[in-house]
C-alpha atoms as a PDB file:
ATOM      1  CA  MET A   1     -42.947  77.330 -71.095  1.00  0.00           C
ATOM      2  CA  ALA A   2     -43.797  78.655 -67.771  1.00  0.00           C
ATOM      3  CA  ASP A   3     -47.518  78.068 -68.599  1.00  0.00           C
ATOM      4  CA  LYS A   4     -47.136  74.280 -68.991  1.00  0.00           C
ATOM      5  CA  PRO A   5     -46.257  73.526 -65.194  1.00  0.00           C
ATOM      6  CA  HIS A   6     -49.156  75.580 -64.095  1.00  0.00           C
ATOM      7  CA  ARG A   7     -51.547  73.835 -66.543  1.00  0.00           C
ATOM      8  CA  ASP A   8     -50.340  70.519 -65.217  1.00  0.00           C
ATOM      9  CA  GLN A   9     -50.637  71.720 -61.548  1.00  0.00           C
ATOM     10  CA  LEU A  10     -54.233  73.043 -62.224  1.00  0.00           C
ATOM     11  CA  ARG A  11     -55.135  69.759 -64.074  1.00  0.00           C
ATOM     12  CA  LYS A  12     -54.052  67.872 -61.020  1.00  0.00           C
ATOM     13  CA  LEU A  13     -55.680  69.963 -58.624  1.00  0.00           C
ATOM     14  CA  GLU A  14     -59.011  69.735 -60.659  1.00  0.00           C
ATOM     15  CA  GLU A  15     -58.585  65.886 -60.452  1.00  0.00           C
ATOM     16  CA  ARG A  16     -58.318  66.066 -56.734  1.00  0.00           C
ATOM     17  CA  ILE A  17     -61.168  68.318 -56.110  1.00  0.00           C
ATOM     18  CA  ALA A  18     -63.408  66.123 -58.394  1.00  0.00           C
ATOM     19  CA  ALA A  19     -62.215  63.070 -56.473  1.00  0.00           C
ATOM     20  CA  ALA A  20     -62.934  64.764 -53.234  1.00  0.00           C
ATOM     21  CA  LYS A  21     -66.489  65.842 -54.414  1.00  0.00           C
ATOM     22  CA  LEU A  22     -67.130  62.269 -55.405  1.00  0.00           C
ATOM     23  CA  ALA A  23     -65.960  61.016 -52.111  1.00  0.00           C
ATOM     24  CA  ARG A  24     -68.325  63.250 -50.179  1.00  0.00           C
ATOM     25  CA  GLU A  25     -71.490  62.663 -52.085  1.00  0.00           C
ATOM     26  CA  PRO A  26     -73.914  60.644 -50.212  1.00  0.00           C
ATOM     27  CA  LYS A  27     -74.186  56.979 -51.088  1.00  0.00           C
ATOM     28  CA  PRO A  28     -77.190  55.891 -52.970  1.00  0.00           C
ATOM     29  CA  SER A  29     -79.923  54.398 -50.787  1.00  0.00           C
ATOM     30  CA  ARG A  30     -79.928  50.654 -50.587  1.00  0.00           C
ATOM     31  CA  GLN A  31     -83.403  50.557 -49.148  1.00  0.00           C
ATOM     32  CA  ASN A  32     -85.912  48.300 -50.736  1.00  0.00           C
ATOM     33  CA  LYS A  33     -89.410  49.523 -51.412  1.00  0.00           C
ATOM     34  CA  TYR A  34     -90.974  47.693 -48.516  1.00  0.00           C
ATOM     35  CA  GLU A  35     -88.641  48.969 -45.726  1.00  0.00           C
ATOM     36  CA  ALA A  36     -90.998  51.709 -44.552  1.00  0.00           C
ATOM     37  CA  SER A  37     -93.933  49.457 -44.492  1.00  0.00           C
ATOM     38  CA  SER A  38     -92.024  46.805 -42.512  1.00  0.00           C
ATOM     39  CA  LEU A  39     -91.110  49.545 -40.204  1.00  0.00           C
ATOM     40  CA  ALA A  40     -94.693  50.571 -39.621  1.00  0.00           C
ATOM     41  CA  TRP A  41     -95.758  47.005 -39.122  1.00  0.00           C
ATOM     42  CA  ARG A  42     -93.040  46.661 -36.531  1.00  0.00           C
ATOM     43  CA  MET A  43     -94.167  49.625 -34.635  1.00  0.00           C
ATOM     44  CA  VAL A  44     -97.883  48.418 -34.722  1.00  0.00           C
ATOM     45  CA  LEU A  45     -96.767  45.030 -33.410  1.00  0.00           C
ATOM     46  CA  GLU A  46     -94.640  46.566 -30.639  1.00  0.00           C
ATOM     47  CA  LEU A  47     -97.834  48.502 -29.613  1.00  0.00           C
ATOM     48  CA  VAL A  48    -100.242  45.601 -29.902  1.00  0.00           C
ATOM     49  CA  VAL A  49     -97.852  43.246 -28.069  1.00  0.00           C
ATOM     50  CA  GLY A  50     -97.393  45.624 -25.229  1.00  0.00           C
ATOM     51  CA  MET A  51    -101.201  45.986 -24.855  1.00  0.00           C
ATOM     52  CA  ALA A  52    -101.675  42.352 -25.040  1.00  0.00           C
ATOM     53  CA  LEU A  53     -99.061  41.428 -22.460  1.00  0.00           C
ATOM     54  CA  GLY A  54    -100.468  44.072 -20.149  1.00  0.00           C
ATOM     55  CA  CYS A  55    -103.975  42.702 -20.501  1.00  0.00           C
ATOM     56  CA  LEU A  56    -102.932  39.230 -19.976  1.00  0.00           C
ATOM     57  CA  ILE A  57    -101.012  40.119 -16.740  1.00  0.00           C
ATOM     58  CA  GLY A  58    -103.840  42.131 -15.619  1.00  0.00           C
ATOM     59  CA  TYR A  59    -106.385  39.390 -16.286  1.00  0.00           C
ATOM     60  CA  GLY A  60    -104.261  36.902 -14.570  1.00  0.00           C
ATOM     61  CA  LEU A  61    -103.788  38.921 -11.444  1.00  0.00           C
ATOM     62  CA  ASP A  62    -107.737  39.656 -11.409  1.00  0.00           C
ATOM     63  CA  VAL A  63    -108.349  35.843 -11.669  1.00  0.00           C
ATOM     64  CA  LEU A  64    -105.801  35.314  -8.843  1.00  0.00           C
ATOM     65  CA  PHE A  65    -107.137  37.884  -6.405  1.00  0.00           C
ATOM     66  CA  GLY A  66    -110.990  37.895  -7.681  1.00  0.00           C
ATOM     67  CA  THR A  67    -110.842  41.593  -8.625  1.00  0.00           C
ATOM     68  CA  LEU A  68    -111.871  41.176 -12.237  1.00  0.00           C
ATOM     69  CA  PRO A  69    -111.791  44.519 -13.895  1.00  0.00           C
ATOM     70  CA  LEU A  70    -109.394  46.399 -11.714  1.00  0.00           C
ATOM     71  CA  PHE A  71    -105.797  44.805 -12.578  1.00  0.00           C
ATOM     72  CA  LEU A  72    -106.938  44.343 -16.134  1.00  0.00           C
ATOM     73  CA  MET A  73    -107.569  48.115 -16.714  1.00  0.00           C
ATOM     74  CA  ILE A  74    -104.432  49.145 -14.913  1.00  0.00           C
ATOM     75  CA  PHE A  75    -102.196  46.611 -16.743  1.00  0.00           C
ATOM     76  CA  ALA A  76    -103.860  47.484 -20.156  1.00  0.00           C
ATOM     77  CA  VAL A  77    -102.960  51.096 -19.621  1.00  0.00           C
ATOM     78  CA  LEU A  78     -99.359  50.179 -18.459  1.00  0.00           C
ATOM     79  CA  GLY A  79     -99.113  47.780 -21.511  1.00  0.00           C
ATOM     80  CA  PHE A  80    -100.204  50.562 -23.749  1.00  0.00           C
ATOM     81  CA  ALA A  81     -97.545  52.945 -22.135  1.00  0.00           C
ATOM     82  CA  ALA A  82     -94.816  50.407 -22.462  1.00  0.00           C
ATOM     83  CA  GLY A  83     -95.820  49.798 -26.282  1.00  0.00           C
ATOM     84  CA  ILE A  84     -95.656  53.537 -26.945  1.00  0.00           C
ATOM     85  CA  ARG A  85     -92.447  53.888 -25.242  1.00  0.00           C
ATOM     86  CA  THR A  86     -91.027  50.775 -27.411  1.00  0.00           C
ATOM     87  CA  MET A  87     -92.456  52.583 -30.504  1.00  0.00           C
ATOM     88  CA  MET A  88     -90.587  55.812 -29.712  1.00  0.00           C
ATOM     89  CA  ARG A  89     -87.282  53.988 -29.094  1.00  0.00           C
ATOM     90  CA  SER A  90     -87.832  52.269 -32.565  1.00  0.00           C
ATOM     91  CA  ALA A  91     -88.482  55.584 -34.193  1.00  0.00           C
ATOM     92  CA  GLU A  92     -85.389  57.143 -32.475  1.00  0.00           C
ATOM     93  CA  GLU A  93     -83.227  54.169 -33.683  1.00  0.00           C
ATOM     94  CA  VAL A  94     -84.396  54.605 -37.229  1.00  0.00           C
ATOM     95  CA  LYS A  95     -83.773  58.394 -37.024  1.00  0.00           C
ATOM     96  CA  ARG A  96     -80.355  57.961 -35.750  1.00  0.00           C
ATOM     97  CA  GLY A  97     -79.494  55.225 -38.280  1.00  0.00           C
ATOM     98  CA  ARG A  98     -80.598  57.358 -41.329  1.00  0.00           C
ATOM     99  CA  LYS A  99     -78.362  60.442 -40.470  1.00  0.00           C
ATOM    100  CA  ARG A 100     -75.289  60.829 -42.490  1.00  0.00           C
ATOM    101  CA  PRO A 101     -71.945  60.328 -40.640  1.00  0.00           C
ATOM    102  CA  GLY A 102     -70.888  64.153 -40.959  1.00  0.00           C
ATOM    103  CA  GLU A 103     -74.288  65.408 -39.452  1.00  0.00           C
ATOM    104  CA  GLU A 104     -74.535  66.872 -35.991  1.00  0.00           C
ATOM    105  CA  THR A 105     -77.121  65.571 -33.498  1.00  0.00           C
ATOM    106  CA  GLU A 106     -79.803  67.839 -32.474  1.00  0.00           C
END
């Protein structure tokens, strides 16, 4: 008779443990198969747009001041740097978004 309450308690404890394990399991990924390629294209576009804007601004300043290659080269480099910086921000955003809620940040 004394064994019966212990068995019931053990069964209830096992059920609670199983429910807790199920709750802690990571949710299945809802990514579609094209998400990585869309992220890559986004980063490439950010780089190209930054470079193109830098070139356009530099060319415009060169035409305005009559110093054709000077501002074009300077702003092309600045546009490239801005594109790289934007790409790095996007990568950091994706990295933060993919961490699980219980993980510590580095």
